[in-house]
Amino acid sequence: MRRLPAFLLLAIVALPAAYAPELHAQVRRCTGPDGGTIYTDRSCEAVGARVAPARGSQVRPALPRISCQRELRGLIQELGDAIHQRDTNRLAGLYHWTGISHAGGYRILERLDAIAQRPLLDITAQRPAQAVASIDRVGFTGWVSARDIPTAAPPRPPTSLRVDQAGTSGTGRIETVFALRRHVGCWWLSL
């Protein structure tokens, strides 16, 4: 077997040490200005980002919370809380957006923002008018069976919520009526 010259042997042994920084480059996980994740071997600041927190302690940005309320009472509570906190995103999370166009969505969002910024006075569930059956009975006709006693029809479910708010200057009253929608077992608001 042929022997390699000593300088060539030394160069082969030193080769991995010369490239060691590249072999062991640290990959940094950074958060970009738009909230997206960037992986880089440079510093986060060099790519216009900031150091992302460790995976276990990662704090996620607050996204609009979509709030499926199965009970009307819960929807009314969430609506009141969103307006009291002046939180347009929370109010938008209660809205039934299905079938709304892009431009229509922006118009509705502007209306929701205006509603969220006014002081809340009251929220009232509105039910449709109910027909009342009247039975004319003249005098006492004897014993009556329980089947003959008229019973009240069960109340109809609400069809809308009326939101009463103070005007912009604190005087006057502004009324907004949200239609109620049932979708996927949840109550939603609609304008």
N, C-alpha and C. Protein backbone atom coordinates (compact mmCIF):
# COMPACT_ATOMS: atom_id res chain seq x y z
N MET A 1 0.84 -1.16 0.00
CA MET A 1 0.00 0.00 0.00
C MET A 1 0.89 1.22 0.00
N ARG A 2 0.49 2.22 -0.76
CA ARG A 2 1.28 3.45 -0.87
C ARG A 2 1.00 4.36 0.29
N ARG A 3 2.00 5.07 0.71
CA ARG A 3 1.86 6.02 1.81
C ARG A 3 1.62 7.40 1.24
N LEU A 4 0.74 8.14 1.91
CA LEU A 4 0.47 9.51 1.52
C LEU A 4 1.54 10.41 2.12
N PRO A 5 1.87 11.45 1.40
CA PRO A 5 2.85 12.38 1.96
C PRO A 5 2.27 13.01 3.23
N ALA A 6 3.11 13.37 4.14
CA ALA A 6 2.71 13.90 5.45
C ALA A 6 1.88 15.18 5.33
N PHE A 7 2.25 16.09 4.40
CA PHE A 7 1.48 17.35 4.28
C PHE A 7 0.05 17.09 3.79
N LEU A 8 -0.12 16.04 2.92
CA LEU A 8 -1.45 15.71 2.43
C LEU A 8 -2.28 15.08 3.54
N LEU A 9 -1.65 14.25 4.35
CA LEU A 9 -2.33 13.64 5.48
C LEU A 9 -2.77 14.70 6.49
N LEU A 10 -1.89 15.68 6.72
CA LEU A 10 -2.22 16.77 7.64
C LEU A 10 -3.37 17.61 7.09
N ALA A 11 -3.42 17.85 5.80
CA ALA A 11 -4.49 18.63 5.18
C ALA A 11 -5.84 17.90 5.29
N ILE A 12 -5.83 16.60 5.14
CA ILE A 12 -7.07 15.82 5.24
C ILE A 12 -7.60 15.85 6.67
N VAL A 13 -6.74 15.76 7.64
CA VAL A 13 -7.15 15.78 9.05
C VAL A 13 -7.65 17.17 9.43
N ALA A 14 -7.04 18.24 8.91
CA ALA A 14 -7.42 19.61 9.26
C ALA A 14 -8.68 20.07 8.50
N LEU A 15 -9.04 19.40 7.43
CA LEU A 15 -10.18 19.80 6.62
C LEU A 15 -11.49 19.87 7.42
N PRO A 16 -11.87 18.86 8.19
CA PRO A 16 -13.12 18.96 8.94
C PRO A 16 -13.09 20.12 9.96
N ALA A 17 -11.96 20.40 10.56
CA ALA A 17 -11.88 21.49 11.53
C ALA A 17 -12.09 22.84 10.85
N ALA A 18 -11.66 22.98 9.62
CA ALA A 18 -11.83 24.25 8.91
C ALA A 18 -13.30 24.50 8.57
N TYR A 19 -14.07 23.46 8.33
CA TYR A 19 -15.49 23.61 7.98
C TYR A 19 -16.43 23.34 9.16
N ALA A 20 -15.93 23.20 10.34
CA ALA A 20 -16.74 22.90 11.52
C ALA A 20 -17.79 23.96 11.80
N PRO A 21 -17.51 25.26 11.67
CA PRO A 21 -18.57 26.23 11.93
C PRO A 21 -19.77 26.03 11.00
N GLU A 22 -19.55 25.68 9.77
CA GLU A 22 -20.67 25.48 8.86
C GLU A 22 -21.40 24.17 9.15
N LEU A 23 -20.67 23.17 9.61
CA LEU A 23 -21.30 21.91 9.92
C LEU A 23 -22.18 22.02 11.15
N HIS A 24 -21.84 22.89 12.08
CA HIS A 24 -22.58 23.03 13.32
C HIS A 24 -23.28 24.38 13.38
N ALA A 25 -23.75 24.87 12.27
CA ALA A 25 -24.45 26.16 12.25
C ALA A 25 -25.73 26.05 13.08
N GLN A 26 -26.02 27.08 13.84
CA GLN A 26 -27.21 27.09 14.68
C GLN A 26 -28.39 27.63 13.88
N VAL A 27 -29.48 26.93 13.90
CA VAL A 27 -30.69 27.39 13.23
C VAL A 27 -31.53 28.10 14.28
N ARG A 28 -31.87 29.33 13.99
CA ARG A 28 -32.66 30.15 14.91
C ARG A 28 -34.10 30.21 14.44
N ARG A 29 -34.98 30.19 15.39
CA ARG A 29 -36.41 30.32 15.11
C ARG A 29 -36.82 31.73 15.51
N CYS A 30 -37.31 32.50 14.52
CA CYS A 30 -37.64 33.90 14.74
C CYS A 30 -39.11 34.15 14.36
N THR A 31 -39.64 35.24 14.89
CA THR A 31 -40.99 35.66 14.54
C THR A 31 -40.89 36.91 13.68
N GLY A 32 -41.44 36.84 12.47
CA GLY A 32 -41.38 37.96 11.53
C GLY A 32 -42.36 39.06 11.90
N PRO A 33 -42.28 40.18 11.22
CA PRO A 33 -43.17 41.31 11.50
C PRO A 33 -44.66 40.97 11.32
N ASP A 34 -44.96 40.01 10.44
CA ASP A 34 -46.34 39.62 10.21
C ASP A 34 -46.81 38.52 11.15
N GLY A 35 -45.95 38.09 12.09
CA GLY A 35 -46.30 37.06 13.04
C GLY A 35 -45.94 35.66 12.59
N GLY A 36 -45.44 35.52 11.36
CA GLY A 36 -45.05 34.22 10.83
C GLY A 36 -43.71 33.77 11.39
N THR A 37 -43.42 32.49 11.27
CA THR A 37 -42.17 31.93 11.76
C THR A 37 -41.13 31.94 10.66
N ILE A 38 -39.91 32.36 11.02
CA ILE A 38 -38.78 32.39 10.09
C ILE A 38 -37.66 31.56 10.70
N TYR A 39 -37.09 30.64 9.93
CA TYR A 39 -35.94 29.86 10.38
C TYR A 39 -34.72 30.39 9.62
N THR A 40 -33.66 30.70 10.35
CA THR A 40 -32.47 31.27 9.72
C THR A 40 -31.23 30.86 10.50
N ASP A 41 -30.08 30.92 9.82
CA ASP A 41 -28.81 30.68 10.51
C ASP A 41 -28.16 32.00 10.93
N ARG A 42 -28.77 33.11 10.56
CA ARG A 42 -28.28 34.42 10.98
C ARG A 42 -29.05 34.86 12.22
N SER A 43 -28.70 36.01 12.74
CA SER A 43 -29.44 36.52 13.90
C SER A 43 -30.83 36.96 13.44
N CYS A 44 -31.80 36.90 14.34
CA CYS A 44 -33.17 37.28 14.00
C CYS A 44 -33.24 38.74 13.55
N GLU A 45 -32.47 39.60 14.23
CA GLU A 45 -32.46 41.02 13.89
C GLU A 45 -31.94 41.25 12.47
N ALA A 46 -31.04 40.40 12.01
CA ALA A 46 -30.47 40.56 10.67
C ALA A 46 -31.50 40.33 9.57
N VAL A 47 -32.54 39.58 9.88
CA VAL A 47 -33.59 39.33 8.89
C VAL A 47 -34.86 40.12 9.20
N GLY A 48 -34.76 41.10 10.10
CA GLY A 48 -35.90 41.95 10.40
C GLY A 48 -36.95 41.28 11.26
N ALA A 49 -36.55 40.37 12.13
CA ALA A 49 -37.49 39.64 12.98
C ALA A 49 -37.04 39.72 14.43
N ARG A 50 -37.76 39.07 15.30
CA ARG A 50 -37.38 39.01 16.71
C ARG A 50 -37.32 37.55 17.13
N VAL A 51 -36.62 37.28 18.22
CA VAL A 51 -36.45 35.92 18.70
C VAL A 51 -37.80 35.38 19.15
N ALA A 52 -38.15 34.21 18.65
CA ALA A 52 -39.41 33.58 19.03
C ALA A 52 -39.23 32.91 20.38
N PRO A 53 -40.25 32.92 21.23
CA PRO A 53 -40.15 32.22 22.51
C PRO A 53 -40.02 30.73 22.31
N ALA A 54 -39.52 30.04 23.31
CA ALA A 54 -39.35 28.59 23.24
C ALA A 54 -40.71 27.93 23.00
N ARG A 55 -40.71 26.75 22.41
CA ARG A 55 -41.96 26.07 22.05
C ARG A 55 -42.92 25.91 23.22
N GLY A 56 -42.44 25.52 24.36
CA GLY A 56 -43.31 25.30 25.51
C GLY A 56 -43.91 26.57 26.06
N SER A 57 -43.21 27.68 25.92
CA SER A 57 -43.69 28.94 26.50
C SER A 57 -44.21 29.89 25.43
N GLN A 58 -44.48 29.36 24.26
CA GLN A 58 -44.90 30.22 23.17
C GLN A 58 -46.23 30.88 23.46
N VAL A 59 -46.28 32.17 23.32
CA VAL A 59 -47.51 32.93 23.49
C VAL A 59 -48.05 33.20 22.10
N ARG A 60 -49.20 32.69 21.83
CA ARG A 60 -49.81 32.87 20.51
C ARG A 60 -50.48 34.22 20.44
N PRO A 61 -50.47 34.84 19.27
CA PRO A 61 -51.15 36.13 19.14
C PRO A 61 -52.65 35.94 19.33
N ALA A 62 -53.28 36.96 19.87
CA ALA A 62 -54.72 36.90 20.12
C ALA A 62 -55.47 36.97 18.79
N LEU A 63 -56.15 35.91 18.46
CA LEU A 63 -56.96 35.86 17.25
C LEU A 63 -58.40 36.14 17.62
N PRO A 64 -59.17 36.63 16.68
CA PRO A 64 -60.59 36.81 17.00
C PRO A 64 -61.19 35.48 17.42
N ARG A 65 -61.86 35.50 18.51
CA ARG A 65 -62.43 34.28 19.05
C ARG A 65 -63.81 34.07 18.44
N ILE A 66 -63.99 32.93 17.80
CA ILE A 66 -65.30 32.59 17.27
C ILE A 66 -66.04 31.92 18.41
N SER A 67 -67.19 32.45 18.72
CA SER A 67 -67.88 32.03 19.93
C SER A 67 -69.19 31.35 19.59
N CYS A 68 -69.19 30.04 19.55
CA CYS A 68 -70.40 29.27 19.30
C CYS A 68 -71.20 29.22 20.60
N GLN A 69 -72.31 29.92 20.63
CA GLN A 69 -73.17 29.93 21.81
C GLN A 69 -74.37 29.03 21.55
N ARG A 70 -74.47 27.98 22.31
CA ARG A 70 -75.57 27.04 22.14
C ARG A 70 -76.85 27.54 22.82
N GLU A 71 -76.71 28.41 23.80
CA GLU A 71 -77.85 28.97 24.50
C GLU A 71 -77.97 30.46 24.16
N LEU A 72 -79.17 30.95 23.99
CA LEU A 72 -79.39 32.36 23.68
C LEU A 72 -78.87 33.25 24.82
N ARG A 73 -79.01 32.78 26.03
CA ARG A 73 -78.53 33.51 27.20
C ARG A 73 -77.01 33.77 27.08
N GLY A 74 -76.26 32.78 26.63
CA GLY A 74 -74.81 32.94 26.44
C GLY A 74 -74.48 33.95 25.36
N LEU A 75 -75.27 33.94 24.27
CA LEU A 75 -75.06 34.90 23.19
C LEU A 75 -75.29 36.33 23.68
N ILE A 76 -76.35 36.53 24.46
CA ILE A 76 -76.64 37.86 24.99
C ILE A 76 -75.52 38.31 25.92
N GLN A 77 -75.01 37.41 26.75
CA GLN A 77 -73.91 37.74 27.67
C GLN A 77 -72.65 38.12 26.88
N GLU A 78 -72.30 37.33 25.88
CA GLU A 78 -71.11 37.62 25.07
C GLU A 78 -71.26 38.95 24.32
N LEU A 79 -72.45 39.21 23.80
CA LEU A 79 -72.71 40.46 23.09
C LEU A 79 -72.52 41.64 24.03
N GLY A 80 -73.09 41.55 25.23
CA GLY A 80 -72.94 42.62 26.21
C GLY A 80 -71.48 42.82 26.62
N ASP A 81 -70.75 41.73 26.84
CA ASP A 81 -69.34 41.83 27.22
C ASP A 81 -68.50 42.47 26.11
N ALA A 82 -68.77 42.09 24.86
CA ALA A 82 -68.01 42.65 23.72
C ALA A 82 -68.22 44.15 23.62
N ILE A 83 -69.45 44.61 23.83
CA ILE A 83 -69.74 46.04 23.73
C ILE A 83 -69.16 46.79 24.93
N HIS A 84 -69.29 46.23 26.12
CA HIS A 84 -68.72 46.88 27.32
C HIS A 84 -67.20 47.02 27.21
N GLN A 85 -66.55 46.04 26.61
CA GLN A 85 -65.09 46.08 26.46
C GLN A 85 -64.66 46.80 25.19
N ARG A 86 -65.63 47.26 24.40
CA ARG A 86 -65.36 47.93 23.12
C ARG A 86 -64.47 47.07 22.21
N ASP A 87 -64.77 45.79 22.18
CA ASP A 87 -63.97 44.81 21.46
C ASP A 87 -64.68 44.39 20.16
N THR A 88 -64.30 45.03 19.07
CA THR A 88 -64.91 44.76 17.78
C THR A 88 -64.65 43.32 17.33
N ASN A 89 -63.45 42.80 17.59
CA ASN A 89 -63.12 41.43 17.19
C ASN A 89 -64.00 40.42 17.91
N ARG A 90 -64.24 40.65 19.17
CA ARG A 90 -65.09 39.73 19.93
C ARG A 90 -66.53 39.79 19.41
N LEU A 91 -66.99 41.00 19.10
CA LEU A 91 -68.33 41.16 18.52
C LEU A 91 -68.41 40.47 17.16
N ALA A 92 -67.37 40.60 16.35
CA ALA A 92 -67.34 39.95 15.03
C ALA A 92 -67.34 38.43 15.15
N GLY A 93 -66.82 37.91 16.27
CA GLY A 93 -66.83 36.47 16.50
C GLY A 93 -68.22 35.91 16.75
N LEU A 94 -69.18 36.78 17.02
CA LEU A 94 -70.57 36.35 17.25
C LEU A 94 -71.43 36.47 15.99
N TYR A 95 -70.83 37.03 14.94
CA TYR A 95 -71.59 37.33 13.72
C TYR A 95 -71.65 36.12 12.79
N HIS A 96 -72.77 35.97 12.09
CA HIS A 96 -72.95 34.88 11.12
C HIS A 96 -72.44 35.36 9.77
N TRP A 97 -71.20 35.03 9.43
CA TRP A 97 -70.55 35.54 8.23
C TRP A 97 -70.82 34.72 6.99
N THR A 98 -71.51 33.62 7.10
CA THR A 98 -71.74 32.73 5.96
C THR A 98 -72.42 33.46 4.81
N GLY A 99 -71.83 33.37 3.62
CA GLY A 99 -72.41 33.94 2.42
C GLY A 99 -72.16 35.42 2.23
N ILE A 100 -71.34 36.05 3.06
CA ILE A 100 -71.06 37.48 2.95
C ILE A 100 -69.89 37.68 1.98
N SER A 101 -70.02 38.63 1.07
CA SER A 101 -68.94 38.92 0.13
C SER A 101 -67.83 39.69 0.84
N HIS A 102 -66.70 39.81 0.18
CA HIS A 102 -65.54 40.52 0.74
C HIS A 102 -65.91 41.98 1.04
N ALA A 103 -66.49 42.67 0.07
CA ALA A 103 -66.87 44.08 0.27
C ALA A 103 -67.97 44.20 1.32
N GLY A 104 -68.93 43.28 1.29
CA GLY A 104 -70.00 43.28 2.28
C GLY A 104 -69.46 43.05 3.69
N GLY A 105 -68.45 42.22 3.79
CA GLY A 105 -67.82 41.95 5.08
C GLY A 105 -67.20 43.19 5.68
N TYR A 106 -66.54 43.99 4.83
CA TYR A 106 -65.94 45.24 5.33
C TYR A 106 -67.02 46.21 5.80
N ARG A 107 -68.13 46.30 5.08
CA ARG A 107 -69.22 47.20 5.50
C ARG A 107 -69.80 46.76 6.84
N ILE A 108 -70.01 45.47 6.98
CA ILE A 108 -70.56 44.95 8.24
C ILE A 108 -69.57 45.17 9.38
N LEU A 109 -68.29 44.95 9.12
CA LEU A 109 -67.28 45.15 10.16
C LEU A 109 -67.24 46.60 10.62
N GLU A 110 -67.42 47.55 9.70
CA GLU A 110 -67.47 48.96 10.08
C GLU A 110 -68.68 49.23 10.97
N ARG A 111 -69.83 48.63 10.65
CA ARG A 111 -71.01 48.80 11.49
C ARG A 111 -70.81 48.18 12.87
N LEU A 112 -70.19 46.99 12.91
CA LEU A 112 -69.93 46.34 14.19
C LEU A 112 -68.98 47.17 15.04
N ASP A 113 -67.99 47.80 14.40
CA ASP A 113 -67.05 48.65 15.14
C ASP A 113 -67.78 49.85 15.74
N ALA A 114 -68.68 50.45 14.98
CA ALA A 114 -69.45 51.59 15.51
C ALA A 114 -70.32 51.14 16.68
N ILE A 115 -70.91 49.96 16.60
CA ILE A 115 -71.73 49.43 17.69
C ILE A 115 -70.87 49.17 18.92
N ALA A 116 -69.70 48.60 18.72
CA ALA A 116 -68.82 48.27 19.85
C ALA A 116 -68.31 49.52 20.57
N GLN A 117 -68.26 50.65 19.92
CA GLN A 117 -67.70 51.86 20.52
C GLN A 117 -68.72 52.68 21.31
N ARG A 118 -70.02 52.39 21.19
CA ARG A 118 -71.05 53.16 21.90
C ARG A 118 -71.39 52.49 23.23
N PRO A 119 -71.72 53.28 24.26
CA PRO A 119 -72.10 52.70 25.56
C PRO A 119 -73.41 51.91 25.46
N LEU A 120 -73.41 50.75 26.08
CA LEU A 120 -74.57 49.86 26.06
C LEU A 120 -75.56 50.25 27.16
N LEU A 121 -76.83 50.30 26.79
CA LEU A 121 -77.89 50.56 27.77
C LEU A 121 -78.67 49.29 28.08
N ASP A 122 -79.07 48.54 27.02
CA ASP A 122 -79.90 47.37 27.24
C ASP A 122 -79.87 46.45 26.02
N ILE A 123 -80.08 45.16 26.25
CA ILE A 123 -80.25 44.17 25.18
C ILE A 123 -81.57 43.46 25.46
N THR A 124 -82.45 43.42 24.45
CA THR A 124 -83.77 42.82 24.61
C THR A 124 -83.99 41.76 23.53
N ALA A 125 -84.37 40.56 23.95
CA ALA A 125 -84.73 39.50 23.00
C ALA A 125 -86.15 39.78 22.52
N GLN A 126 -86.34 39.83 21.21
CA GLN A 126 -87.66 40.12 20.64
C GLN A 126 -88.26 38.85 20.05
N ARG A 127 -89.52 38.61 20.41
CA ARG A 127 -90.24 37.44 19.92
C ARG A 127 -91.33 37.90 18.97
N PRO A 128 -91.69 37.06 18.01
CA PRO A 128 -92.80 37.43 17.12
C PRO A 128 -94.11 37.47 17.89
N ALA A 129 -95.04 38.25 17.41
CA ALA A 129 -96.35 38.33 18.05
C ALA A 129 -97.01 36.96 18.01
N GLN A 130 -97.73 36.66 19.08
CA GLN A 130 -98.35 35.36 19.17
C GLN A 130 -99.87 35.53 19.16
N ALA A 131 -100.52 34.75 18.35
CA ALA A 131 -101.98 34.81 18.29
C ALA A 131 -102.57 34.26 19.57
N VAL A 132 -103.61 34.91 20.04
CA VAL A 132 -104.27 34.48 21.27
C VAL A 132 -105.64 33.93 20.89
N ALA A 133 -105.89 32.72 21.30
CA ALA A 133 -107.19 32.10 21.03
C ALA A 133 -108.15 32.51 22.13
N SER A 134 -109.32 32.94 21.72
CA SER A 134 -110.31 33.32 22.73
C SER A 134 -111.52 32.40 22.61
N ILE A 135 -112.00 31.98 23.72
CA ILE A 135 -113.17 31.11 23.75
C ILE A 135 -114.24 31.87 24.53
N ASP A 136 -115.37 32.07 23.88
CA ASP A 136 -116.47 32.78 24.53
C ASP A 136 -117.33 31.76 25.28
N ARG A 137 -117.39 31.91 26.57
CA ARG A 137 -118.23 31.05 27.39
C ARG A 137 -119.17 31.96 28.17
N VAL A 138 -120.37 31.65 28.08
CA VAL A 138 -121.36 32.45 28.79
C VAL A 138 -121.88 31.62 29.96
N GLY A 139 -121.59 32.10 31.14
CA GLY A 139 -122.09 31.45 32.34
C GLY A 139 -121.43 30.12 32.62
N PHE A 140 -121.92 29.50 33.67
CA PHE A 140 -121.40 28.21 34.10
C PHE A 140 -122.17 27.12 33.38
N THR A 141 -121.45 26.24 32.70
CA THR A 141 -122.13 25.19 31.93
C THR A 141 -121.99 23.83 32.56
N GLY A 142 -121.49 23.77 33.76
CA GLY A 142 -121.32 22.47 34.39
C GLY A 142 -119.85 22.13 34.54
N TRP A 143 -119.62 20.87 34.73
CA TRP A 143 -118.24 20.41 34.90
C TRP A 143 -117.50 20.49 33.58
N VAL A 144 -116.21 20.84 33.69
CA VAL A 144 -115.40 20.99 32.48
C VAL A 144 -114.25 20.00 32.55
N SER A 145 -114.04 19.37 31.45
CA SER A 145 -112.93 18.44 31.35
C SER A 145 -111.62 19.22 31.17
N ALA A 146 -110.53 18.67 31.59
CA ALA A 146 -109.23 19.31 31.43
C ALA A 146 -108.90 19.51 29.95
N ARG A 147 -109.46 18.66 29.09
CA ARG A 147 -109.22 18.81 27.66
C ARG A 147 -109.89 20.06 27.10
N ASP A 148 -110.93 20.53 27.76
CA ASP A 148 -111.66 21.70 27.28
C ASP A 148 -111.06 23.03 27.73
N ILE A 149 -110.13 22.99 28.68
CA ILE A 149 -109.53 24.22 29.18
C ILE A 149 -108.46 24.66 28.19
N PRO A 150 -108.59 25.89 27.69
CA PRO A 150 -107.57 26.34 26.73
C PRO A 150 -106.23 26.51 27.43
N THR A 151 -105.20 26.08 26.74
CA THR A 151 -103.84 26.24 27.28
C THR A 151 -103.09 27.24 26.41
N ALA A 152 -102.18 27.90 27.04
CA ALA A 152 -101.36 28.88 26.30
C ALA A 152 -100.38 28.14 25.41
N ALA A 153 -100.21 28.64 24.23
CA ALA A 153 -99.22 28.04 23.32
C ALA A 153 -97.83 28.31 23.88
N PRO A 154 -96.91 27.39 23.68
CA PRO A 154 -95.55 27.62 24.17
C PRO A 154 -94.97 28.87 23.51
N PRO A 155 -94.18 29.62 24.25
CA PRO A 155 -93.62 30.85 23.66
C PRO A 155 -92.73 30.51 22.46
N ARG A 156 -92.82 31.36 21.47
CA ARG A 156 -91.98 31.18 20.29
C ARG A 156 -90.56 31.63 20.62
N PRO A 157 -89.58 31.03 19.96
CA PRO A 157 -88.21 31.47 20.23
C PRO A 157 -87.98 32.88 19.68
N PRO A 158 -87.09 33.63 20.29
CA PRO A 158 -86.80 34.99 19.80
C PRO A 158 -86.28 34.96 18.37
N THR A 159 -86.59 36.00 17.63
CA THR A 159 -86.11 36.11 16.25
C THR A 159 -85.08 37.21 16.09
N SER A 160 -84.96 38.07 17.12
CA SER A 160 -83.98 39.17 17.01
C SER A 160 -83.60 39.67 18.40
N LEU A 161 -82.49 40.41 18.44
CA LEU A 161 -82.04 41.08 19.66
C LEU A 161 -82.00 42.57 19.37
N ARG A 162 -82.64 43.36 20.23
CA ARG A 162 -82.58 44.81 20.10
C ARG A 162 -81.53 45.32 21.08
N VAL A 163 -80.54 46.05 20.55
CA VAL A 163 -79.47 46.62 21.36
C VAL A 163 -79.71 48.11 21.46
N ASP A 164 -79.94 48.59 22.67
CA ASP A 164 -80.13 50.02 22.92
C ASP A 164 -78.84 50.59 23.46
N GLN A 165 -78.36 51.69 22.83
CA GLN A 165 -77.11 52.32 23.23
C GLN A 165 -77.29 53.82 23.32
N ALA A 166 -76.42 54.44 24.11
CA ALA A 166 -76.42 55.90 24.19
C ALA A 166 -75.82 56.45 22.91
N GLY A 167 -76.27 57.65 22.52
CA GLY A 167 -75.72 58.30 21.32
C GLY A 167 -74.27 58.67 21.51
N THR A 168 -73.65 59.12 20.44
CA THR A 168 -72.23 59.45 20.47
C THR A 168 -71.88 60.53 21.48
N SER A 169 -72.74 61.50 21.66
CA SER A 169 -72.43 62.59 22.60
C SER A 169 -72.99 62.26 23.99
N GLY A 170 -73.47 61.05 24.20
CA GLY A 170 -74.02 60.66 25.48
C GLY A 170 -75.49 60.97 25.62
N THR A 171 -76.06 61.66 24.65
CA THR A 171 -77.49 61.97 24.68
C THR A 171 -78.17 61.18 23.58
N GLY A 172 -79.45 61.01 23.74
CA GLY A 172 -80.18 60.28 22.72
C GLY A 172 -80.02 58.78 22.91
N ARG A 173 -80.69 58.07 22.02
CA ARG A 173 -80.68 56.61 22.11
C ARG A 173 -80.58 56.05 20.69
N ILE A 174 -79.68 55.12 20.50
CA ILE A 174 -79.51 54.47 19.21
C ILE A 174 -79.92 53.01 19.37
N GLU A 175 -80.77 52.56 18.46
CA GLU A 175 -81.28 51.20 18.52
C GLU A 175 -80.77 50.41 17.32
N THR A 176 -80.20 49.25 17.58
CA THR A 176 -79.75 48.34 16.53
C THR A 176 -80.46 47.01 16.73
N VAL A 177 -81.01 46.47 15.67
CA VAL A 177 -81.69 45.18 15.76
C VAL A 177 -80.87 44.14 15.00
N PHE A 178 -80.41 43.13 15.74
CA PHE A 178 -79.70 42.01 15.14
C PHE A 178 -80.68 40.87 14.93
N ALA A 179 -80.73 40.31 13.75
CA ALA A 179 -81.51 39.09 13.52
C ALA A 179 -80.75 37.94 14.15
N LEU A 180 -81.47 36.94 14.62
CA LEU A 180 -80.85 35.76 15.21
C LEU A 180 -80.88 34.62 14.21
N ARG A 181 -79.80 33.90 14.12
CA ARG A 181 -79.69 32.76 13.21
C ARG A 181 -79.23 31.54 14.01
N ARG A 182 -79.80 30.39 13.67
CA ARG A 182 -79.31 29.12 14.21
C ARG A 182 -78.54 28.44 13.09
N HIS A 183 -77.29 28.11 13.37
CA HIS A 183 -76.46 27.44 12.37
C HIS A 183 -75.51 26.50 13.10
N VAL A 184 -75.48 25.26 12.72
CA VAL A 184 -74.63 24.23 13.29
C VAL A 184 -74.84 24.15 14.81
N GLY A 185 -76.09 24.30 15.24
CA GLY A 185 -76.42 24.19 16.65
C GLY A 185 -76.04 25.39 17.51
N CYS A 186 -75.66 26.50 16.89
CA CYS A 186 -75.24 27.70 17.63
C CYS A 186 -76.12 28.89 17.26
N TRP A 187 -76.19 29.86 18.17
CA TRP A 187 -76.87 31.12 17.90
C TRP A 187 -75.86 32.10 17.36
N TRP A 188 -76.24 32.83 16.28
CA TRP A 188 -75.38 33.84 15.65
C TRP A 188 -76.16 35.12 15.41
N LEU A 189 -75.46 36.23 15.33
CA LEU A 189 -76.06 37.51 15.03
C LEU A 189 -75.97 37.81 13.55
N SER A 190 -76.90 38.60 13.05
CA SER A 190 -76.88 39.02 11.66
C SER A 190 -77.51 40.40 11.57
N LEU A 191 -77.00 41.24 10.68
CA LEU A 191 -77.56 42.58 10.45
C LEU A 191 -78.40 42.58 9.18
